[in-house]
Amino acid sequence: MNDAMVVRISLADQQLVLQHGDQVRCQFAVSTAVNGANERNGSGGTPRGWHRIRLQIGAGCPVGTVFRGRRLTGECYSPDLAARYPERDWILTRILWLSGLESGINRGGMVDTLRRLIYIHGCPDHEPMGVPRSHGCIRMRNTEIVELFDQVKVGTLVQIIAGSLTETP
């Protein structure tokens, strides 16, 4: 691996690691798709392969800020708000919107990560980490997505693998 900053996500481990070269900067439990790995539009799966961070959304927003359609709603997540909108898939605090880099695998046609609106984002803190529960995105604890968000930038590479992070990249 070169000396670049890379986010690596393992579907098998339900882990996200931020690496700078061979050095691990931080590691977090995440929650990926309950439907497993799948790149196809409408699959509800988490897309594998190489991506990059296309946009960072929510810089400076308070923890718990609610987003819909990548826009601030003016709400802050609370149990009362959750009770009023039980159907929502909560996207909170920060969004790292991913774009696939591999044509025909996660870019273009029916396998386009960007068009599928796949993000790394915060979620309610009561949601379990380390188990697949999302609708395709990569969910993180709110304080941890802030920590990650502050260390990456637009263009940072993101590798999503089905196997374990302990396997050779």
N, C-alpha and C. Protein backbone atom coordinates (compact mmCIF):
# COMPACT_ATOMS: atom_id res chain seq x y z
N MET A 1 0.86 -1.18 0.00
CA MET A 1 0.00 0.00 0.00
C MET A 1 0.90 1.23 0.00
N ASN A 2 0.53 2.24 -0.73
CA ASN A 2 1.34 3.45 -0.77
C ASN A 2 1.11 4.29 0.48
N ASP A 3 1.57 5.52 0.46
CA ASP A 3 1.50 6.37 1.64
C ASP A 3 0.22 7.20 1.71
N ALA A 4 -0.79 6.86 0.91
CA ALA A 4 -2.04 7.62 0.89
C ALA A 4 -2.96 7.21 2.04
N MET A 5 -3.90 8.08 2.34
CA MET A 5 -4.95 7.80 3.31
C MET A 5 -6.00 6.94 2.61
N VAL A 6 -6.39 5.82 3.22
CA VAL A 6 -7.37 4.90 2.64
C VAL A 6 -8.31 4.44 3.74
N VAL A 7 -9.61 4.45 3.42
CA VAL A 7 -10.63 3.88 4.30
C VAL A 7 -10.87 2.47 3.78
N ARG A 8 -10.77 1.48 4.66
CA ARG A 8 -11.04 0.08 4.30
C ARG A 8 -12.21 -0.41 5.14
N ILE A 9 -13.18 -1.03 4.48
CA ILE A 9 -14.38 -1.52 5.17
C ILE A 9 -14.54 -3.00 4.86
N SER A 10 -14.72 -3.80 5.91
CA SER A 10 -14.92 -5.23 5.75
C SER A 10 -16.37 -5.59 6.08
N LEU A 11 -17.05 -6.21 5.11
CA LEU A 11 -18.41 -6.68 5.36
C LEU A 11 -18.39 -7.89 6.30
N ALA A 12 -17.38 -8.73 6.19
CA ALA A 12 -17.28 -9.91 7.06
C ALA A 12 -17.05 -9.51 8.51
N ASP A 13 -16.16 -8.54 8.73
CA ASP A 13 -15.81 -8.10 10.08
C ASP A 13 -16.74 -7.02 10.62
N GLN A 14 -17.51 -6.36 9.72
CA GLN A 14 -18.31 -5.19 10.10
C GLN A 14 -17.40 -4.16 10.79
N GLN A 15 -16.27 -3.89 10.14
CA GLN A 15 -15.27 -2.97 10.65
C GLN A 15 -14.87 -1.98 9.57
N LEU A 16 -14.51 -0.78 10.00
CA LEU A 16 -13.95 0.26 9.15
C LEU A 16 -12.61 0.64 9.75
N VAL A 17 -11.59 0.70 8.90
CA VAL A 17 -10.25 1.10 9.32
C VAL A 17 -9.81 2.26 8.45
N LEU A 18 -9.27 3.29 9.08
CA LEU A 18 -8.63 4.38 8.35
C LEU A 18 -7.14 4.17 8.46
N GLN A 19 -6.50 4.01 7.29
CA GLN A 19 -5.07 3.77 7.26
C GLN A 19 -4.36 4.91 6.54
N HIS A 20 -3.17 5.21 7.03
CA HIS A 20 -2.26 6.12 6.33
C HIS A 20 -1.02 5.29 6.07
N GLY A 21 -0.85 4.88 4.81
CA GLY A 21 0.19 3.90 4.51
C GLY A 21 -0.17 2.60 5.20
N ASP A 22 0.76 2.03 5.94
CA ASP A 22 0.49 0.79 6.68
C ASP A 22 0.05 1.05 8.11
N GLN A 23 -0.03 2.30 8.51
CA GLN A 23 -0.39 2.65 9.89
C GLN A 23 -1.90 2.84 10.02
N VAL A 24 -2.49 2.16 11.00
CA VAL A 24 -3.92 2.32 11.30
C VAL A 24 -4.09 3.58 12.13
N ARG A 25 -4.89 4.53 11.63
CA ARG A 25 -5.15 5.78 12.35
C ARG A 25 -6.32 5.63 13.31
N CYS A 26 -7.35 4.87 12.87
CA CYS A 26 -8.50 4.59 13.73
C CYS A 26 -9.26 3.40 13.17
N GLN A 27 -10.03 2.75 14.02
CA GLN A 27 -10.81 1.58 13.62
C GLN A 27 -12.14 1.63 14.36
N PHE A 28 -13.23 1.33 13.64
CA PHE A 28 -14.57 1.41 14.22
C PHE A 28 -15.42 0.23 13.78
N ALA A 29 -16.31 -0.21 14.66
CA ALA A 29 -17.36 -1.14 14.27
C ALA A 29 -18.37 -0.35 13.45
N VAL A 30 -18.90 -0.98 12.41
CA VAL A 30 -19.90 -0.36 11.54
C VAL A 30 -21.06 -1.33 11.35
N SER A 31 -22.07 -0.85 10.65
CA SER A 31 -23.19 -1.71 10.26
C SER A 31 -23.43 -1.50 8.77
N THR A 32 -23.24 -2.58 8.00
CA THR A 32 -23.46 -2.53 6.56
C THR A 32 -24.81 -3.17 6.25
N ALA A 33 -25.05 -3.46 4.99
CA ALA A 33 -26.38 -3.89 4.54
C ALA A 33 -26.83 -5.23 5.09
N VAL A 34 -28.05 -5.24 5.57
CA VAL A 34 -28.68 -6.48 5.99
C VAL A 34 -28.79 -7.45 4.81
N ASN A 35 -28.85 -6.92 3.58
CA ASN A 35 -28.93 -7.75 2.37
C ASN A 35 -27.56 -8.21 1.87
N GLY A 36 -26.50 -7.92 2.62
CA GLY A 36 -25.16 -8.36 2.24
C GLY A 36 -24.55 -7.51 1.14
N ALA A 37 -23.58 -8.11 0.48
CA ALA A 37 -22.86 -7.42 -0.59
C ALA A 37 -23.65 -7.51 -1.88
N ASN A 38 -23.84 -6.37 -2.54
CA ASN A 38 -24.51 -6.35 -3.84
C ASN A 38 -24.37 -4.96 -4.42
N GLU A 39 -23.97 -4.89 -5.66
CA GLU A 39 -23.74 -3.62 -6.33
C GLU A 39 -24.96 -3.12 -7.11
N ARG A 40 -25.91 -3.99 -7.39
CA ARG A 40 -27.04 -3.63 -8.27
C ARG A 40 -28.00 -2.64 -7.63
N ASN A 41 -28.47 -1.72 -8.45
CA ASN A 41 -29.49 -0.76 -8.05
C ASN A 41 -30.72 -1.53 -7.56
N GLY A 42 -31.27 -1.12 -6.45
CA GLY A 42 -32.47 -1.75 -5.90
C GLY A 42 -32.20 -2.97 -5.05
N SER A 43 -30.95 -3.39 -4.94
CA SER A 43 -30.62 -4.61 -4.19
C SER A 43 -30.65 -4.41 -2.68
N GLY A 44 -30.43 -3.18 -2.24
CA GLY A 44 -30.30 -2.94 -0.80
C GLY A 44 -29.00 -3.47 -0.24
N GLY A 45 -28.06 -3.84 -1.12
CA GLY A 45 -26.77 -4.36 -0.69
C GLY A 45 -25.70 -3.29 -0.64
N THR A 46 -24.64 -3.59 0.09
CA THR A 46 -23.48 -2.69 0.15
C THR A 46 -22.55 -3.03 -1.01
N PRO A 47 -22.18 -2.04 -1.82
CA PRO A 47 -21.34 -2.29 -2.98
C PRO A 47 -19.87 -2.50 -2.60
N ARG A 48 -19.26 -3.49 -3.23
CA ARG A 48 -17.84 -3.78 -3.00
C ARG A 48 -16.96 -3.04 -3.99
N GLY A 49 -15.68 -3.09 -3.73
CA GLY A 49 -14.68 -2.54 -4.65
C GLY A 49 -14.13 -1.20 -4.19
N TRP A 50 -13.44 -0.56 -5.13
CA TRP A 50 -12.79 0.72 -4.86
C TRP A 50 -13.74 1.87 -5.16
N HIS A 51 -13.79 2.80 -4.22
CA HIS A 51 -14.61 4.00 -4.30
C HIS A 51 -13.74 5.18 -3.90
N ARG A 52 -14.31 6.36 -4.03
CA ARG A 52 -13.70 7.56 -3.45
C ARG A 52 -14.79 8.37 -2.79
N ILE A 53 -14.40 9.20 -1.86
CA ILE A 53 -15.36 10.12 -1.23
C ILE A 53 -15.64 11.23 -2.24
N ARG A 54 -16.87 11.31 -2.68
CA ARG A 54 -17.29 12.29 -3.68
C ARG A 54 -17.62 13.63 -3.01
N LEU A 55 -18.35 13.56 -1.89
CA LEU A 55 -18.75 14.76 -1.16
C LEU A 55 -18.73 14.49 0.34
N GLN A 56 -18.41 15.53 1.09
CA GLN A 56 -18.53 15.51 2.54
C GLN A 56 -19.63 16.50 2.90
N ILE A 57 -20.62 16.02 3.63
CA ILE A 57 -21.78 16.84 3.95
C ILE A 57 -21.98 16.87 5.47
N GLY A 58 -22.16 18.07 6.00
CA GLY A 58 -22.48 18.23 7.41
C GLY A 58 -21.36 18.79 8.27
N ALA A 59 -20.30 19.27 7.67
CA ALA A 59 -19.19 19.84 8.46
C ALA A 59 -19.72 20.89 9.43
N GLY A 60 -19.34 20.75 10.68
CA GLY A 60 -19.71 21.72 11.70
C GLY A 60 -21.11 21.56 12.27
N CYS A 61 -21.90 20.66 11.75
CA CYS A 61 -23.26 20.46 12.28
C CYS A 61 -23.20 19.76 13.64
N PRO A 62 -24.17 20.03 14.50
CA PRO A 62 -24.20 19.35 15.79
C PRO A 62 -24.40 17.84 15.62
N VAL A 63 -23.88 17.07 16.55
CA VAL A 63 -24.13 15.63 16.58
C VAL A 63 -25.64 15.41 16.67
N GLY A 64 -26.15 14.50 15.83
CA GLY A 64 -27.58 14.22 15.82
C GLY A 64 -28.36 15.00 14.76
N THR A 65 -27.67 15.88 14.01
CA THR A 65 -28.34 16.60 12.94
C THR A 65 -28.96 15.60 11.97
N VAL A 66 -30.20 15.86 11.56
CA VAL A 66 -30.93 14.96 10.67
C VAL A 66 -30.82 15.46 9.22
N PHE A 67 -30.54 14.50 8.31
CA PHE A 67 -30.48 14.77 6.88
C PHE A 67 -31.53 13.93 6.16
N ARG A 68 -32.15 14.53 5.16
CA ARG A 68 -33.03 13.81 4.22
C ARG A 68 -32.67 14.32 2.84
N GLY A 69 -32.39 13.39 1.93
CA GLY A 69 -31.97 13.81 0.59
C GLY A 69 -30.70 14.63 0.63
N ARG A 70 -29.82 14.34 1.59
CA ARG A 70 -28.53 15.02 1.77
C ARG A 70 -28.68 16.48 2.19
N ARG A 71 -29.84 16.86 2.62
CA ARG A 71 -30.09 18.23 3.08
C ARG A 71 -30.49 18.23 4.55
N LEU A 72 -30.09 19.30 5.23
CA LEU A 72 -30.49 19.47 6.63
C LEU A 72 -32.00 19.59 6.71
N THR A 73 -32.61 18.94 7.69
CA THR A 73 -34.05 19.06 7.89
C THR A 73 -34.39 20.13 8.93
N GLY A 74 -33.37 20.57 9.67
CA GLY A 74 -33.61 21.50 10.77
C GLY A 74 -33.92 20.76 12.06
N GLU A 75 -33.88 19.44 12.01
CA GLU A 75 -34.20 18.62 13.19
C GLU A 75 -32.91 18.09 13.81
N CYS A 76 -33.01 17.74 15.07
CA CYS A 76 -31.95 17.03 15.77
C CYS A 76 -32.58 15.74 16.31
N TYR A 77 -31.94 14.62 16.07
CA TYR A 77 -32.50 13.32 16.43
C TYR A 77 -32.78 13.25 17.94
N SER A 78 -33.94 12.70 18.26
CA SER A 78 -34.32 12.46 19.65
C SER A 78 -35.28 11.27 19.67
N PRO A 79 -35.48 10.64 20.81
CA PRO A 79 -36.47 9.55 20.89
C PRO A 79 -37.87 10.01 20.50
N ASP A 80 -38.24 11.25 20.86
CA ASP A 80 -39.56 11.77 20.49
C ASP A 80 -39.69 11.89 18.97
N LEU A 81 -38.65 12.41 18.31
CA LEU A 81 -38.67 12.53 16.85
C LEU A 81 -38.75 11.14 16.21
N ALA A 82 -37.99 10.21 16.73
CA ALA A 82 -38.01 8.83 16.21
C ALA A 82 -39.39 8.21 16.35
N ALA A 83 -40.08 8.48 17.45
CA ALA A 83 -41.42 7.93 17.67
C ALA A 83 -42.42 8.52 16.68
N ARG A 84 -42.21 9.79 16.31
CA ARG A 84 -43.11 10.43 15.34
C ARG A 84 -42.90 9.93 13.91
N TYR A 85 -41.68 9.46 13.61
CA TYR A 85 -41.34 9.02 12.25
C TYR A 85 -40.67 7.64 12.30
N PRO A 86 -41.39 6.61 12.72
CA PRO A 86 -40.76 5.29 12.89
C PRO A 86 -40.28 4.66 11.58
N GLU A 87 -40.77 5.14 10.44
CA GLU A 87 -40.40 4.55 9.15
C GLU A 87 -39.08 5.09 8.59
N ARG A 88 -38.55 6.15 9.15
CA ARG A 88 -37.35 6.77 8.60
C ARG A 88 -36.11 5.90 8.79
N ASP A 89 -35.27 5.91 7.77
CA ASP A 89 -33.92 5.35 7.87
C ASP A 89 -33.04 6.55 8.22
N TRP A 90 -32.70 6.71 9.48
CA TRP A 90 -32.07 7.92 9.98
C TRP A 90 -30.65 8.09 9.47
N ILE A 91 -30.40 9.23 8.84
CA ILE A 91 -29.07 9.62 8.37
C ILE A 91 -28.71 10.86 9.18
N LEU A 92 -27.72 10.68 10.06
CA LEU A 92 -27.42 11.69 11.07
C LEU A 92 -25.97 12.18 11.02
N THR A 93 -25.77 13.39 11.50
CA THR A 93 -24.51 14.01 11.90
C THR A 93 -23.58 14.37 10.75
N ARG A 94 -23.15 13.40 9.93
CA ARG A 94 -22.24 13.63 8.79
C ARG A 94 -22.55 12.61 7.71
N ILE A 95 -22.25 12.99 6.46
CA ILE A 95 -22.39 12.09 5.32
C ILE A 95 -21.09 12.13 4.51
N LEU A 96 -20.56 10.96 4.21
CA LEU A 96 -19.49 10.80 3.24
C LEU A 96 -20.11 10.05 2.06
N TRP A 97 -20.38 10.76 0.98
CA TRP A 97 -21.07 10.19 -0.18
C TRP A 97 -20.02 9.54 -1.08
N LEU A 98 -20.23 8.27 -1.41
CA LEU A 98 -19.25 7.50 -2.16
C LEU A 98 -19.57 7.45 -3.65
N SER A 99 -18.51 7.38 -4.44
CA SER A 99 -18.60 7.22 -5.88
C SER A 99 -17.71 6.05 -6.27
N GLY A 100 -18.25 5.08 -7.02
CA GLY A 100 -17.47 3.93 -7.46
C GLY A 100 -16.41 4.31 -8.46
N LEU A 101 -15.33 3.55 -8.47
CA LEU A 101 -14.22 3.81 -9.39
C LEU A 101 -14.04 2.72 -10.43
N GLU A 102 -14.82 1.63 -10.33
CA GLU A 102 -14.61 0.48 -11.20
C GLU A 102 -15.80 0.31 -12.16
N SER A 103 -15.56 0.69 -13.40
CA SER A 103 -16.60 0.65 -14.42
C SER A 103 -17.17 -0.77 -14.55
N GLY A 104 -18.52 -0.85 -14.51
CA GLY A 104 -19.19 -2.14 -14.62
C GLY A 104 -19.27 -2.92 -13.33
N ILE A 105 -18.53 -2.49 -12.33
CA ILE A 105 -18.54 -3.17 -11.02
C ILE A 105 -19.30 -2.32 -10.01
N ASN A 106 -18.91 -1.05 -9.89
CA ASN A 106 -19.59 -0.13 -8.97
C ASN A 106 -19.74 1.27 -9.56
N ARG A 107 -19.56 1.35 -10.87
CA ARG A 107 -19.68 2.64 -11.58
C ARG A 107 -20.39 2.42 -12.91
N GLY A 108 -21.44 3.20 -13.14
CA GLY A 108 -22.16 3.14 -14.40
C GLY A 108 -23.31 2.14 -14.39
N GLY A 109 -24.24 2.36 -15.31
CA GLY A 109 -25.36 1.43 -15.50
C GLY A 109 -26.13 1.13 -14.22
N MET A 110 -26.42 -0.14 -14.02
CA MET A 110 -27.23 -0.58 -12.87
C MET A 110 -26.39 -0.87 -11.62
N VAL A 111 -25.10 -0.49 -11.64
CA VAL A 111 -24.23 -0.76 -10.50
C VAL A 111 -23.51 0.50 -10.02
N ASP A 112 -24.14 1.65 -10.17
CA ASP A 112 -23.48 2.92 -9.88
C ASP A 112 -23.68 3.33 -8.42
N THR A 113 -22.61 3.25 -7.65
CA THR A 113 -22.65 3.58 -6.23
C THR A 113 -23.14 5.00 -5.99
N LEU A 114 -22.68 5.95 -6.77
CA LEU A 114 -23.09 7.35 -6.59
C LEU A 114 -24.59 7.50 -6.79
N ARG A 115 -25.10 6.95 -7.88
CA ARG A 115 -26.55 7.05 -8.15
C ARG A 115 -27.38 6.27 -7.14
N ARG A 116 -26.81 5.24 -6.55
CA ARG A 116 -27.51 4.46 -5.53
C ARG A 116 -27.55 5.19 -4.19
N LEU A 117 -26.84 6.33 -4.10
CA LEU A 117 -26.82 7.13 -2.87
C LEU A 117 -26.25 6.34 -1.69
N ILE A 118 -25.08 5.76 -1.92
CA ILE A 118 -24.41 5.00 -0.88
C ILE A 118 -23.49 5.94 -0.11
N TYR A 119 -23.69 5.96 1.21
CA TYR A 119 -22.95 6.86 2.10
C TYR A 119 -22.30 6.08 3.24
N ILE A 120 -21.33 6.72 3.86
CA ILE A 120 -20.91 6.40 5.22
C ILE A 120 -21.55 7.51 6.04
N HIS A 121 -22.36 7.15 7.04
CA HIS A 121 -23.10 8.18 7.78
C HIS A 121 -23.37 7.76 9.22
N GLY A 122 -23.72 8.75 10.02
CA GLY A 122 -24.12 8.49 11.39
C GLY A 122 -25.53 7.95 11.46
N CYS A 123 -25.85 7.31 12.57
CA CYS A 123 -27.19 6.75 12.79
C CYS A 123 -27.51 6.85 14.29
N PRO A 124 -28.75 6.56 14.68
CA PRO A 124 -29.08 6.63 16.10
C PRO A 124 -28.15 5.73 16.94
N ASP A 125 -27.74 6.25 18.09
CA ASP A 125 -26.77 5.53 18.91
C ASP A 125 -27.30 4.21 19.47
N HIS A 126 -28.61 4.01 19.48
CA HIS A 126 -29.12 2.73 19.97
C HIS A 126 -29.03 1.62 18.91
N GLU A 127 -28.76 2.00 17.66
CA GLU A 127 -28.62 0.99 16.60
C GLU A 127 -27.35 0.18 16.84
N PRO A 128 -27.43 -1.14 16.70
CA PRO A 128 -26.24 -1.96 16.96
C PRO A 128 -25.17 -1.80 15.88
N MET A 129 -23.93 -1.82 16.29
CA MET A 129 -22.80 -1.84 15.36
C MET A 129 -22.21 -3.26 15.39
N GLY A 130 -21.52 -3.61 14.33
CA GLY A 130 -20.92 -4.94 14.26
C GLY A 130 -21.85 -5.99 13.69
N VAL A 131 -23.06 -5.57 13.31
CA VAL A 131 -24.03 -6.47 12.68
C VAL A 131 -24.64 -5.75 11.48
N PRO A 132 -24.89 -6.47 10.39
CA PRO A 132 -25.49 -5.84 9.21
C PRO A 132 -26.95 -5.48 9.46
N ARG A 133 -27.27 -4.17 9.34
CA ARG A 133 -28.63 -3.71 9.57
C ARG A 133 -29.08 -2.60 8.63
N SER A 134 -28.18 -2.11 7.77
CA SER A 134 -28.51 -0.95 6.94
C SER A 134 -29.25 -1.35 5.67
N HIS A 135 -29.62 -0.34 4.89
CA HIS A 135 -30.29 -0.54 3.60
C HIS A 135 -29.29 -0.44 2.44
N GLY A 136 -28.00 -0.54 2.74
CA GLY A 136 -26.96 -0.48 1.72
C GLY A 136 -25.78 0.39 2.11
N CYS A 137 -26.06 1.41 2.92
CA CYS A 137 -25.01 2.32 3.36
C CYS A 137 -24.16 1.69 4.47
N ILE A 138 -23.15 2.44 4.89
CA ILE A 138 -22.31 2.04 6.00
C ILE A 138 -22.65 2.98 7.15
N ARG A 139 -23.25 2.42 8.20
CA ARG A 139 -23.65 3.21 9.37
C ARG A 139 -22.54 3.21 10.41
N MET A 140 -22.43 4.36 11.10
CA MET A 140 -21.44 4.51 12.18
C MET A 140 -22.08 5.23 13.36
N ARG A 141 -21.45 5.10 14.51
CA ARG A 141 -21.82 5.90 15.68
C ARG A 141 -21.56 7.37 15.34
N ASN A 142 -22.37 8.25 15.90
CA ASN A 142 -22.26 9.69 15.57
C ASN A 142 -20.92 10.30 15.92
N THR A 143 -20.40 10.02 17.09
CA THR A 143 -19.10 10.60 17.47
C THR A 143 -17.98 10.04 16.60
N GLU A 144 -18.14 8.79 16.15
CA GLU A 144 -17.11 8.16 15.33
C GLU A 144 -17.13 8.67 13.89
N ILE A 145 -18.32 8.95 13.34
CA ILE A 145 -18.37 9.51 11.99
C ILE A 145 -17.76 10.92 11.99
N VAL A 146 -17.93 11.66 13.08
CA VAL A 146 -17.29 12.99 13.17
C VAL A 146 -15.77 12.82 13.16
N GLU A 147 -15.27 11.86 13.94
CA GLU A 147 -13.82 11.62 13.98
C GLU A 147 -13.28 11.24 12.60
N LEU A 148 -13.97 10.34 11.92
CA LEU A 148 -13.55 9.93 10.57
C LEU A 148 -13.63 11.10 9.60
N PHE A 149 -14.77 11.79 9.59
CA PHE A 149 -15.03 12.92 8.70
C PHE A 149 -13.91 13.95 8.78
N ASP A 150 -13.45 14.22 10.01
CA ASP A 150 -12.43 15.24 10.22
C ASP A 150 -11.03 14.81 9.76
N GLN A 151 -10.84 13.52 9.48
CA GLN A 151 -9.52 13.02 9.06
C GLN A 151 -9.42 12.73 7.57
N VAL A 152 -10.57 12.69 6.87
CA VAL A 152 -10.55 12.39 5.44
C VAL A 152 -10.88 13.66 4.65
N LYS A 153 -10.83 13.55 3.33
CA LYS A 153 -11.19 14.67 2.47
C LYS A 153 -11.83 14.12 1.21
N VAL A 154 -12.44 15.00 0.44
CA VAL A 154 -12.99 14.61 -0.86
C VAL A 154 -11.85 14.01 -1.67
N GLY A 155 -12.11 12.85 -2.27
CA GLY A 155 -11.10 12.15 -3.05
C GLY A 155 -10.43 11.00 -2.31
N THR A 156 -10.58 10.95 -0.99
CA THR A 156 -9.99 9.83 -0.23
C THR A 156 -10.54 8.52 -0.76
N LEU A 157 -9.64 7.55 -0.96
CA LEU A 157 -10.04 6.24 -1.45
C LEU A 157 -10.74 5.43 -0.36
N VAL A 158 -11.74 4.66 -0.78
CA VAL A 158 -12.50 3.78 0.11
C VAL A 158 -12.56 2.42 -0.56
N GLN A 159 -12.08 1.39 0.14
CA GLN A 159 -12.15 0.02 -0.36
C GLN A 159 -13.14 -0.75 0.49
N ILE A 160 -14.14 -1.35 -0.15
CA ILE A 160 -15.13 -2.17 0.55
C ILE A 160 -14.92 -3.61 0.09
N ILE A 161 -14.64 -4.49 1.05
CA ILE A 161 -14.37 -5.89 0.73
C ILE A 161 -15.36 -6.80 1.44
N ALA A 162 -15.62 -7.94 0.83
CA ALA A 162 -16.51 -8.93 1.45
C ALA A 162 -15.77 -9.68 2.55
N GLY A 163 -14.48 -9.90 2.37
CA GLY A 163 -13.68 -10.67 3.32
C GLY A 163 -13.24 -9.87 4.53
N SER A 164 -12.30 -10.44 5.22
CA SER A 164 -11.77 -9.85 6.46
C SER A 164 -10.67 -8.84 6.16
N LEU A 165 -10.54 -7.86 7.02
CA LEU A 165 -9.48 -6.86 6.88
C LEU A 165 -8.11 -7.45 7.16
N THR A 166 -8.05 -8.60 7.81
CA THR A 166 -6.76 -9.22 8.11
C THR A 166 -6.19 -9.94 6.88
N GLU A 167 -7.01 -10.12 5.83
CA GLU A 167 -6.52 -10.71 4.59
C GLU A 167 -5.70 -9.67 3.84
N THR A 168 -4.82 -10.09 2.99
CA THR A 168 -3.99 -9.19 2.21
C THR A 168 -4.87 -8.37 1.27
N PRO A 169 -4.70 -7.02 1.26
CA PRO A 169 -5.53 -6.18 0.39
C PRO A 169 -5.24 -6.42 -1.08
